[in-house]
Amino acid sequence: MKGANRFFRLAMALLIFFFFCVALWVWAFYLRYKIHFG
């Protein structure tokens, strides 16, 4: 059960990292759109 807990923690960390990257990309894209069409 310890291994499964570690795997779950790793999966959660990866999910949070992926969500952060997507949010950052969307924010940068929105900023570029706002500046371009402003």
Protein backbone atom coordinates (compact mmCIF):
# COMPACT_ATOMS: atom_id res chain seq x y z
CA MET A 1 0.00 0.00 0.00
CA LYS A 2 2.96 2.30 0.57
CA GLY A 3 3.98 2.05 -3.09
CA ALA A 4 0.46 2.87 -4.26
CA ASN A 5 0.41 5.94 -2.00
CA ARG A 6 3.71 7.11 -3.44
CA PHE A 7 2.43 6.55 -6.97
CA PHE A 8 -0.77 8.49 -6.18
CA ARG A 9 1.28 11.37 -4.78
CA LEU A 10 3.46 11.39 -7.91
CA ALA A 11 0.38 11.37 -10.15
CA MET A 12 -1.12 14.29 -8.24
CA ALA A 13 2.14 16.26 -8.52
CA LEU A 14 2.26 15.60 -12.27
CA LEU A 15 -1.36 16.63 -12.65
CA ILE A 16 -0.79 19.89 -10.76
CA PHE A 17 2.35 20.58 -12.83
CA PHE A 18 0.49 19.91 -16.08
CA PHE A 19 -2.41 22.17 -15.02
CA PHE A 20 0.04 24.93 -14.07
CA CYS A 21 1.77 24.70 -17.46
CA VAL A 22 -1.55 24.83 -19.33
CA ALA A 23 -2.72 27.80 -17.27
CA LEU A 24 0.54 29.63 -17.91
CA TRP A 25 0.31 28.93 -21.66
CA VAL A 26 -3.31 30.13 -21.82
CA TRP A 27 -2.41 33.28 -19.85
CA ALA A 28 0.50 34.07 -22.21
CA PHE A 29 -1.73 33.45 -25.25
CA TYR A 30 -4.44 35.72 -23.81
CA LEU A 31 -1.89 38.44 -23.08
CA ARG A 32 -0.55 38.28 -26.65
CA TYR A 33 -4.11 38.40 -28.02
CA LYS A 34 -4.96 41.39 -25.81
CA ILE A 35 -1.84 43.27 -26.88
CA HIS A 36 -2.31 42.43 -30.56
CA PHE A 37 -5.99 43.39 -30.80
CA GLY A 38 -6.11 45.58 -27.72
